[in-house]
N, C-alpha and C. Protein backbone atom coordinates (compact mmCIF):
# COMPACT_ATOMS: atom_id res chain seq x y z
N MET A 1 -34.15 23.99 14.23
CA MET A 1 -32.74 24.34 14.27
C MET A 1 -32.02 23.77 13.04
N ARG A 2 -32.37 22.55 12.67
CA ARG A 2 -31.72 21.93 11.52
C ARG A 2 -31.97 22.75 10.25
N ARG A 3 -33.18 23.28 10.09
CA ARG A 3 -33.47 24.12 8.92
C ARG A 3 -32.60 25.37 8.93
N PHE A 4 -32.46 25.97 10.10
CA PHE A 4 -31.60 27.15 10.23
C PHE A 4 -30.17 26.82 9.83
N VAL A 5 -29.64 25.73 10.37
CA VAL A 5 -28.27 25.31 10.05
C VAL A 5 -28.12 25.10 8.55
N GLU A 6 -29.06 24.42 7.94
CA GLU A 6 -28.96 24.13 6.51
C GLU A 6 -29.08 25.41 5.68
N ARG A 7 -29.96 26.31 6.08
CA ARG A 7 -30.14 27.56 5.33
C ARG A 7 -28.87 28.41 5.37
N VAL A 8 -28.32 28.62 6.54
CA VAL A 8 -27.11 29.44 6.67
C VAL A 8 -25.93 28.73 6.00
N SER A 9 -25.87 27.42 6.13
CA SER A 9 -24.79 26.66 5.50
C SER A 9 -24.84 26.80 3.98
N ARG A 10 -26.02 26.72 3.40
CA ARG A 10 -26.15 26.90 1.95
C ARG A 10 -25.71 28.30 1.53
N PHE A 11 -26.07 29.28 2.34
CA PHE A 11 -25.67 30.66 2.06
C PHE A 11 -24.15 30.78 2.05
N LEU A 12 -23.50 30.21 3.07
CA LEU A 12 -22.03 30.24 3.14
C LEU A 12 -21.41 29.46 1.97
N ALA A 13 -22.01 28.33 1.62
CA ALA A 13 -21.50 27.54 0.50
C ALA A 13 -21.62 28.32 -0.80
N ASP A 14 -22.68 29.10 -0.95
CA ASP A 14 -22.82 29.93 -2.14
C ASP A 14 -21.71 30.99 -2.21
N TRP A 15 -21.15 31.36 -1.08
CA TRP A 15 -20.02 32.29 -1.01
C TRP A 15 -18.70 31.58 -1.32
N GLY A 16 -18.73 30.25 -1.38
CA GLY A 16 -17.52 29.50 -1.68
C GLY A 16 -16.98 28.71 -0.50
N PHE A 17 -17.65 28.77 0.63
CA PHE A 17 -17.24 27.99 1.80
C PHE A 17 -17.54 26.53 1.52
N PRO A 18 -16.66 25.59 1.86
CA PRO A 18 -16.96 24.18 1.66
C PRO A 18 -18.25 23.80 2.42
N PRO A 19 -19.16 23.10 1.77
CA PRO A 19 -20.47 22.82 2.39
C PRO A 19 -20.41 22.15 3.76
N MET A 20 -19.59 21.10 3.94
CA MET A 20 -19.55 20.43 5.24
C MET A 20 -18.92 21.33 6.29
N ALA A 21 -17.91 22.08 5.92
CA ALA A 21 -17.31 23.03 6.87
C ALA A 21 -18.35 24.06 7.30
N ALA A 22 -19.16 24.52 6.37
CA ALA A 22 -20.22 25.48 6.70
C ALA A 22 -21.23 24.86 7.66
N ARG A 23 -21.60 23.62 7.40
CA ARG A 23 -22.57 22.94 8.26
C ARG A 23 -22.01 22.75 9.68
N VAL A 24 -20.75 22.36 9.77
CA VAL A 24 -20.11 22.18 11.08
C VAL A 24 -20.03 23.53 11.79
N LEU A 25 -19.60 24.55 11.08
CA LEU A 25 -19.47 25.88 11.68
C LEU A 25 -20.80 26.37 12.26
N VAL A 26 -21.85 26.30 11.46
CA VAL A 26 -23.15 26.80 11.92
C VAL A 26 -23.69 25.94 13.06
N THR A 27 -23.43 24.64 13.02
CA THR A 27 -23.86 23.77 14.12
C THR A 27 -23.15 24.15 15.41
N LEU A 28 -21.85 24.41 15.34
CA LEU A 28 -21.12 24.84 16.54
C LEU A 28 -21.62 26.20 17.04
N MET A 29 -21.93 27.08 16.10
CA MET A 29 -22.43 28.41 16.48
C MET A 29 -23.78 28.32 17.17
N ALA A 30 -24.61 27.38 16.72
CA ALA A 30 -25.97 27.26 17.23
C ALA A 30 -26.07 26.36 18.46
N ALA A 31 -24.97 25.72 18.84
CA ALA A 31 -24.99 24.79 19.97
C ALA A 31 -25.00 25.54 21.29
N GLU A 32 -25.79 25.06 22.21
CA GLU A 32 -25.79 25.62 23.56
C GLU A 32 -24.53 25.19 24.31
N GLU A 33 -24.02 24.01 23.98
CA GLU A 33 -22.78 23.52 24.60
C GLU A 33 -21.60 24.33 24.04
N ARG A 34 -20.59 24.48 24.84
CA ARG A 34 -19.39 25.22 24.41
C ARG A 34 -18.57 24.42 23.40
N ALA A 35 -18.63 23.09 23.46
CA ALA A 35 -17.86 22.23 22.56
C ALA A 35 -18.66 20.97 22.27
N LEU A 36 -18.39 20.38 21.09
CA LEU A 36 -19.07 19.16 20.68
C LEU A 36 -18.04 18.17 20.14
N THR A 37 -18.34 16.88 20.27
CA THR A 37 -17.49 15.85 19.67
C THR A 37 -17.90 15.69 18.20
N ALA A 38 -17.08 14.96 17.44
CA ALA A 38 -17.42 14.65 16.06
C ALA A 38 -18.73 13.85 16.02
N ALA A 39 -18.92 12.97 16.98
CA ALA A 39 -20.16 12.18 17.03
C ALA A 39 -21.37 13.09 17.28
N ASP A 40 -21.21 14.08 18.17
CA ASP A 40 -22.29 15.04 18.42
C ASP A 40 -22.64 15.80 17.14
N LEU A 41 -21.61 16.28 16.47
CA LEU A 41 -21.81 17.03 15.24
C LEU A 41 -22.49 16.15 14.18
N ALA A 42 -22.01 14.92 14.05
CA ALA A 42 -22.58 14.00 13.06
C ALA A 42 -24.05 13.73 13.34
N GLU A 43 -24.37 13.52 14.61
CA GLU A 43 -25.76 13.25 14.97
C GLU A 43 -26.66 14.44 14.63
N ARG A 44 -26.20 15.63 14.95
CA ARG A 44 -27.00 16.83 14.69
C ARG A 44 -27.16 17.11 13.20
N LEU A 45 -26.17 16.70 12.43
CA LEU A 45 -26.22 16.95 10.99
C LEU A 45 -26.76 15.77 10.19
N GLY A 46 -26.92 14.62 10.85
CA GLY A 46 -27.43 13.45 10.16
C GLY A 46 -26.43 12.87 9.17
N VAL A 47 -25.14 12.90 9.55
CA VAL A 47 -24.08 12.35 8.70
C VAL A 47 -23.20 11.45 9.57
N SER A 48 -22.24 10.78 8.94
CA SER A 48 -21.33 9.93 9.71
C SER A 48 -20.25 10.79 10.36
N PRO A 49 -19.67 10.33 11.49
CA PRO A 49 -18.57 11.08 12.11
C PRO A 49 -17.40 11.30 11.15
N ALA A 50 -17.18 10.34 10.24
CA ALA A 50 -16.09 10.49 9.28
C ALA A 50 -16.34 11.68 8.36
N ALA A 51 -17.60 11.97 8.05
CA ALA A 51 -17.92 13.10 7.17
C ALA A 51 -17.59 14.43 7.83
N ILE A 52 -17.51 14.44 9.14
CA ILE A 52 -17.25 15.67 9.89
C ILE A 52 -15.78 16.07 9.79
N SER A 53 -14.89 15.11 9.65
CA SER A 53 -13.45 15.38 9.79
C SER A 53 -12.93 16.42 8.80
N GLY A 54 -13.35 16.38 7.55
CA GLY A 54 -12.88 17.35 6.57
C GLY A 54 -13.33 18.76 6.90
N GLY A 55 -14.57 18.88 7.33
CA GLY A 55 -15.08 20.20 7.70
C GLY A 55 -14.36 20.76 8.91
N VAL A 56 -14.13 19.92 9.90
CA VAL A 56 -13.42 20.36 11.10
C VAL A 56 -11.98 20.76 10.76
N ARG A 57 -11.34 19.95 9.93
CA ARG A 57 -9.95 20.24 9.53
C ARG A 57 -9.87 21.60 8.83
N TYR A 58 -10.81 21.88 7.95
CA TYR A 58 -10.84 23.16 7.24
C TYR A 58 -11.01 24.32 8.22
N LEU A 59 -11.94 24.17 9.14
CA LEU A 59 -12.19 25.24 10.13
C LEU A 59 -11.00 25.43 11.06
N MET A 60 -10.31 24.35 11.39
CA MET A 60 -9.10 24.47 12.22
C MET A 60 -8.01 25.20 11.44
N HIS A 61 -7.88 24.89 10.15
CA HIS A 61 -6.90 25.56 9.31
C HIS A 61 -7.16 27.07 9.25
N LEU A 62 -8.43 27.46 9.20
CA LEU A 62 -8.77 28.88 9.18
C LEU A 62 -8.57 29.55 10.54
N GLY A 63 -8.43 28.74 11.58
CA GLY A 63 -8.29 29.32 12.92
C GLY A 63 -9.62 29.65 13.55
N MET A 64 -10.68 28.99 13.10
CA MET A 64 -12.01 29.25 13.65
C MET A 64 -12.41 28.24 14.72
N VAL A 65 -11.83 27.05 14.65
CA VAL A 65 -12.21 25.97 15.55
C VAL A 65 -10.97 25.41 16.23
N ALA A 66 -11.11 25.12 17.52
CA ALA A 66 -10.04 24.50 18.29
C ALA A 66 -10.43 23.06 18.60
N ARG A 67 -9.43 22.20 18.64
CA ARG A 67 -9.64 20.80 19.02
C ARG A 67 -9.04 20.61 20.40
N GLU A 68 -9.83 20.02 21.30
CA GLU A 68 -9.38 19.77 22.66
C GLU A 68 -9.62 18.31 23.00
N PRO A 69 -8.61 17.63 23.52
CA PRO A 69 -8.82 16.22 23.87
C PRO A 69 -9.76 16.08 25.07
N VAL A 70 -10.51 15.00 25.06
CA VAL A 70 -11.36 14.66 26.20
C VAL A 70 -10.49 13.80 27.11
N PRO A 71 -10.21 14.24 28.34
CA PRO A 71 -9.35 13.46 29.24
C PRO A 71 -9.87 12.03 29.43
N GLY A 72 -8.95 11.08 29.30
CA GLY A 72 -9.28 9.68 29.49
C GLY A 72 -10.03 9.06 28.32
N SER A 73 -10.04 9.72 27.19
CA SER A 73 -10.77 9.23 26.02
C SER A 73 -9.95 9.48 24.76
N ARG A 74 -10.30 8.77 23.71
CA ARG A 74 -9.65 9.02 22.42
C ARG A 74 -10.42 10.06 21.61
N ARG A 75 -11.48 10.57 22.19
CA ARG A 75 -12.32 11.56 21.51
C ARG A 75 -11.76 12.97 21.69
N ASP A 76 -12.13 13.81 20.76
CA ASP A 76 -11.79 15.23 20.85
C ASP A 76 -13.07 16.04 20.89
N LEU A 77 -12.96 17.20 21.52
CA LEU A 77 -14.04 18.19 21.49
C LEU A 77 -13.64 19.29 20.53
N TYR A 78 -14.62 19.83 19.83
CA TYR A 78 -14.38 20.94 18.91
C TYR A 78 -15.19 22.12 19.39
N ARG A 79 -14.53 23.27 19.43
CA ARG A 79 -15.21 24.49 19.87
C ARG A 79 -14.76 25.65 19.00
N LEU A 80 -15.64 26.64 18.91
CA LEU A 80 -15.28 27.86 18.20
C LEU A 80 -14.36 28.69 19.07
N TYR A 81 -13.39 29.31 18.45
CA TYR A 81 -12.60 30.29 19.18
C TYR A 81 -13.49 31.49 19.47
N ASP A 82 -13.20 32.19 20.56
CA ASP A 82 -13.92 33.42 20.84
C ASP A 82 -13.67 34.38 19.68
N GLU A 83 -14.69 35.10 19.30
CA GLU A 83 -14.60 36.06 18.20
C GLU A 83 -14.06 35.42 16.92
N ALA A 84 -14.52 34.20 16.65
CA ALA A 84 -13.98 33.42 15.53
C ALA A 84 -14.04 34.17 14.20
N TRP A 85 -15.17 34.78 13.90
CA TRP A 85 -15.28 35.48 12.61
C TRP A 85 -14.28 36.61 12.52
N TRP A 86 -14.23 37.39 13.58
CA TRP A 86 -13.35 38.55 13.53
C TRP A 86 -11.89 38.13 13.45
N GLU A 87 -11.53 37.16 14.23
CA GLU A 87 -10.14 36.73 14.24
C GLU A 87 -9.70 36.22 12.88
N VAL A 88 -10.58 35.48 12.21
CA VAL A 88 -10.22 34.99 10.88
C VAL A 88 -10.00 36.16 9.94
N ALA A 89 -10.91 37.12 9.96
CA ALA A 89 -10.80 38.27 9.06
C ALA A 89 -9.56 39.10 9.37
N SER A 90 -9.27 39.30 10.64
CA SER A 90 -8.16 40.20 10.98
C SER A 90 -6.80 39.50 10.98
N THR A 91 -6.76 38.23 11.34
CA THR A 91 -5.45 37.56 11.38
C THR A 91 -5.02 37.04 10.03
N LYS A 92 -5.93 36.98 9.09
CA LYS A 92 -5.56 36.54 7.75
C LYS A 92 -5.02 37.70 6.93
N SER A 93 -4.67 38.81 7.62
CA SER A 93 -4.17 39.96 6.87
C SER A 93 -2.88 39.65 6.14
N GLY A 94 -2.14 38.63 6.56
CA GLY A 94 -0.97 38.20 5.79
C GLY A 94 -1.38 37.79 4.39
N LEU A 95 -2.59 37.28 4.26
CA LEU A 95 -3.15 36.94 2.96
C LEU A 95 -3.22 38.19 2.09
N TYR A 96 -3.63 39.30 2.68
CA TYR A 96 -3.75 40.54 1.91
C TYR A 96 -2.39 41.01 1.43
N LYS A 97 -1.38 40.91 2.28
CA LYS A 97 -0.04 41.31 1.87
C LYS A 97 0.45 40.43 0.72
N ASP A 98 0.18 39.14 0.82
CA ASP A 98 0.56 38.22 -0.26
C ASP A 98 -0.11 38.62 -1.57
N LEU A 99 -1.40 38.97 -1.50
CA LEU A 99 -2.10 39.41 -2.71
C LEU A 99 -1.51 40.70 -3.27
N VAL A 100 -1.17 41.62 -2.39
CA VAL A 100 -0.53 42.88 -2.82
C VAL A 100 0.77 42.57 -3.55
N ASP A 101 1.58 41.69 -2.96
CA ASP A 101 2.86 41.33 -3.58
C ASP A 101 2.64 40.66 -4.94
N MET A 102 1.66 39.77 -5.03
CA MET A 102 1.40 39.10 -6.31
C MET A 102 0.90 40.09 -7.36
N MET A 103 0.06 41.03 -6.95
CA MET A 103 -0.43 42.03 -7.92
C MET A 103 0.73 42.90 -8.42
N ASN A 104 1.67 43.21 -7.53
CA ASN A 104 2.86 43.98 -7.95
C ASN A 104 3.69 43.19 -8.96
N GLU A 105 3.82 41.88 -8.72
CA GLU A 105 4.54 41.04 -9.69
C GLU A 105 3.82 41.04 -11.04
N GLY A 106 2.50 40.93 -10.99
CA GLY A 106 1.71 40.96 -12.22
C GLY A 106 1.86 42.28 -12.94
N LEU A 107 1.88 43.37 -12.18
CA LEU A 107 2.05 44.70 -12.79
C LEU A 107 3.41 44.80 -13.48
N ASP A 108 4.43 44.25 -12.84
CA ASP A 108 5.76 44.25 -13.46
C ASP A 108 5.72 43.47 -14.77
N ALA A 109 5.06 42.32 -14.75
CA ALA A 109 4.98 41.49 -15.96
C ALA A 109 4.20 42.18 -17.07
N LEU A 110 3.20 42.98 -16.68
CA LEU A 110 2.37 43.67 -17.67
C LEU A 110 2.98 44.99 -18.13
N GLY A 111 4.04 45.42 -17.47
CA GLY A 111 4.67 46.68 -17.83
C GLY A 111 4.06 47.89 -17.16
N GLY A 112 3.30 47.69 -16.09
CA GLY A 112 2.78 48.83 -15.33
C GLY A 112 1.28 48.97 -15.36
N GLU A 113 0.81 50.10 -14.85
CA GLU A 113 -0.61 50.36 -14.67
C GLU A 113 -1.28 51.01 -15.88
N GLU A 114 -0.54 51.31 -16.92
CA GLU A 114 -1.07 52.07 -18.04
C GLU A 114 -2.06 51.28 -18.90
N THR A 115 -1.96 49.96 -18.88
CA THR A 115 -2.88 49.14 -19.66
C THR A 115 -4.16 48.88 -18.87
N HIS A 116 -5.18 48.40 -19.56
CA HIS A 116 -6.43 48.05 -18.88
C HIS A 116 -6.17 46.97 -17.82
N ALA A 117 -5.44 45.92 -18.20
CA ALA A 117 -5.14 44.84 -17.25
C ALA A 117 -4.32 45.36 -16.09
N GLY A 118 -3.34 46.20 -16.37
CA GLY A 118 -2.51 46.77 -15.31
C GLY A 118 -3.32 47.62 -14.36
N HIS A 119 -4.26 48.40 -14.91
CA HIS A 119 -5.13 49.22 -14.06
C HIS A 119 -5.99 48.33 -13.16
N THR A 120 -6.50 47.25 -13.72
CA THR A 120 -7.33 46.32 -12.94
C THR A 120 -6.53 45.70 -11.80
N LEU A 121 -5.31 45.26 -12.10
CA LEU A 121 -4.46 44.68 -11.04
C LEU A 121 -4.11 45.72 -9.98
N ALA A 122 -3.84 46.94 -10.41
CA ALA A 122 -3.50 48.00 -9.45
C ALA A 122 -4.67 48.30 -8.52
N GLU A 123 -5.89 48.28 -9.05
CA GLU A 123 -7.08 48.49 -8.21
C GLU A 123 -7.18 47.41 -7.14
N MET A 124 -6.97 46.16 -7.55
CA MET A 124 -7.03 45.05 -6.60
C MET A 124 -5.92 45.20 -5.56
N ARG A 125 -4.72 45.51 -6.01
CA ARG A 125 -3.59 45.70 -5.10
C ARG A 125 -3.90 46.79 -4.08
N ASP A 126 -4.39 47.91 -4.56
CA ASP A 126 -4.67 49.04 -3.67
C ASP A 126 -5.77 48.71 -2.67
N TYR A 127 -6.76 47.96 -3.10
CA TYR A 127 -7.84 47.58 -2.20
C TYR A 127 -7.32 46.70 -1.06
N PHE A 128 -6.53 45.69 -1.40
CA PHE A 128 -6.03 44.79 -0.37
C PHE A 128 -4.97 45.45 0.50
N ALA A 129 -4.22 46.39 -0.05
CA ALA A 129 -3.28 47.17 0.77
C ALA A 129 -4.07 48.00 1.79
N PHE A 130 -5.18 48.57 1.35
CA PHE A 130 -6.04 49.34 2.24
C PHE A 130 -6.59 48.45 3.36
N LEU A 131 -7.11 47.26 2.99
CA LEU A 131 -7.63 46.35 4.01
C LEU A 131 -6.56 45.96 5.02
N GLU A 132 -5.37 45.67 4.52
CA GLU A 132 -4.29 45.26 5.41
C GLU A 132 -3.98 46.34 6.44
N LYS A 133 -4.04 47.58 6.00
CA LYS A 133 -3.75 48.71 6.90
C LYS A 133 -4.91 49.00 7.85
N GLU A 134 -6.13 48.89 7.37
CA GLU A 134 -7.29 49.32 8.15
C GLU A 134 -7.88 48.26 9.07
N LEU A 135 -7.71 46.98 8.77
CA LEU A 135 -8.34 45.95 9.59
C LEU A 135 -7.92 45.98 11.06
N PRO A 136 -6.65 46.17 11.37
CA PRO A 136 -6.31 46.25 12.80
C PRO A 136 -7.01 47.41 13.51
N LEU A 137 -7.16 48.53 12.83
CA LEU A 137 -7.86 49.68 13.42
C LEU A 137 -9.35 49.37 13.60
N LEU A 138 -9.91 48.72 12.61
CA LEU A 138 -11.32 48.34 12.69
C LEU A 138 -11.55 47.32 13.80
N ARG A 139 -10.61 46.38 13.96
CA ARG A 139 -10.71 45.40 15.05
C ARG A 139 -10.73 46.12 16.40
N ASP A 140 -9.85 47.11 16.57
CA ASP A 140 -9.81 47.85 17.82
C ASP A 140 -11.13 48.59 18.07
N LYS A 141 -11.69 49.16 17.02
CA LYS A 141 -12.99 49.85 17.16
C LYS A 141 -14.08 48.85 17.54
N TRP A 142 -14.06 47.69 16.90
CA TRP A 142 -15.05 46.66 17.20
C TRP A 142 -14.98 46.26 18.67
N ARG A 143 -13.78 45.98 19.12
CA ARG A 143 -13.62 45.57 20.52
C ARG A 143 -14.03 46.68 21.47
N ALA A 144 -13.68 47.92 21.16
CA ALA A 144 -14.07 49.06 22.00
C ALA A 144 -15.58 49.20 22.04
N SER A 145 -16.25 48.97 20.93
CA SER A 145 -17.71 49.09 20.89
C SER A 145 -18.38 48.03 21.75
N ARG A 146 -17.67 46.96 22.02
CA ARG A 146 -18.21 45.88 22.83
C ARG A 146 -17.66 45.92 24.25
N GLY A 147 -16.90 46.97 24.57
CA GLY A 147 -16.34 47.11 25.91
C GLY A 147 -15.19 46.17 26.20
N ARG A 148 -14.46 45.78 25.16
CA ARG A 148 -13.32 44.87 25.32
C ARG A 148 -12.03 45.61 25.06
N ALA A 149 -10.99 45.17 25.74
CA ALA A 149 -9.66 45.77 25.53
C ALA A 149 -9.13 45.34 24.17
N THR A 150 -8.25 46.16 23.62
CA THR A 150 -7.64 45.83 22.31
C THR A 150 -6.43 44.96 22.49
């Protein structure tokens, strides 16, 4: 299991995912338990509990991991949200709108789409505008394919 976690984590890190966040994510995905403590994660990864905190914080910021207090303890449990991958991709659509707006600002600064740089920015803008529009529809199709309500 550790080899699997490390292999997938390296793959995600090659995509630009922070390495410890990738390791924590894959460990949570591969866990039979629904939630793990920082100590559990550290033990499985062979690192200190303190090393886990940055990865967990990053995943919480993305909306992939939830922190739940352990009643009567100072410890927290960390668990993946249901449909964590999909939710991150579909709920971050505000990111796409921000990119569209920034590309429009860049186009204004460049004087429009007629230049090579302007054409390049317009392509990026149009792509992210398309994603912003289509992702909610794709999410609904995904859920329908799995027999879930939208």
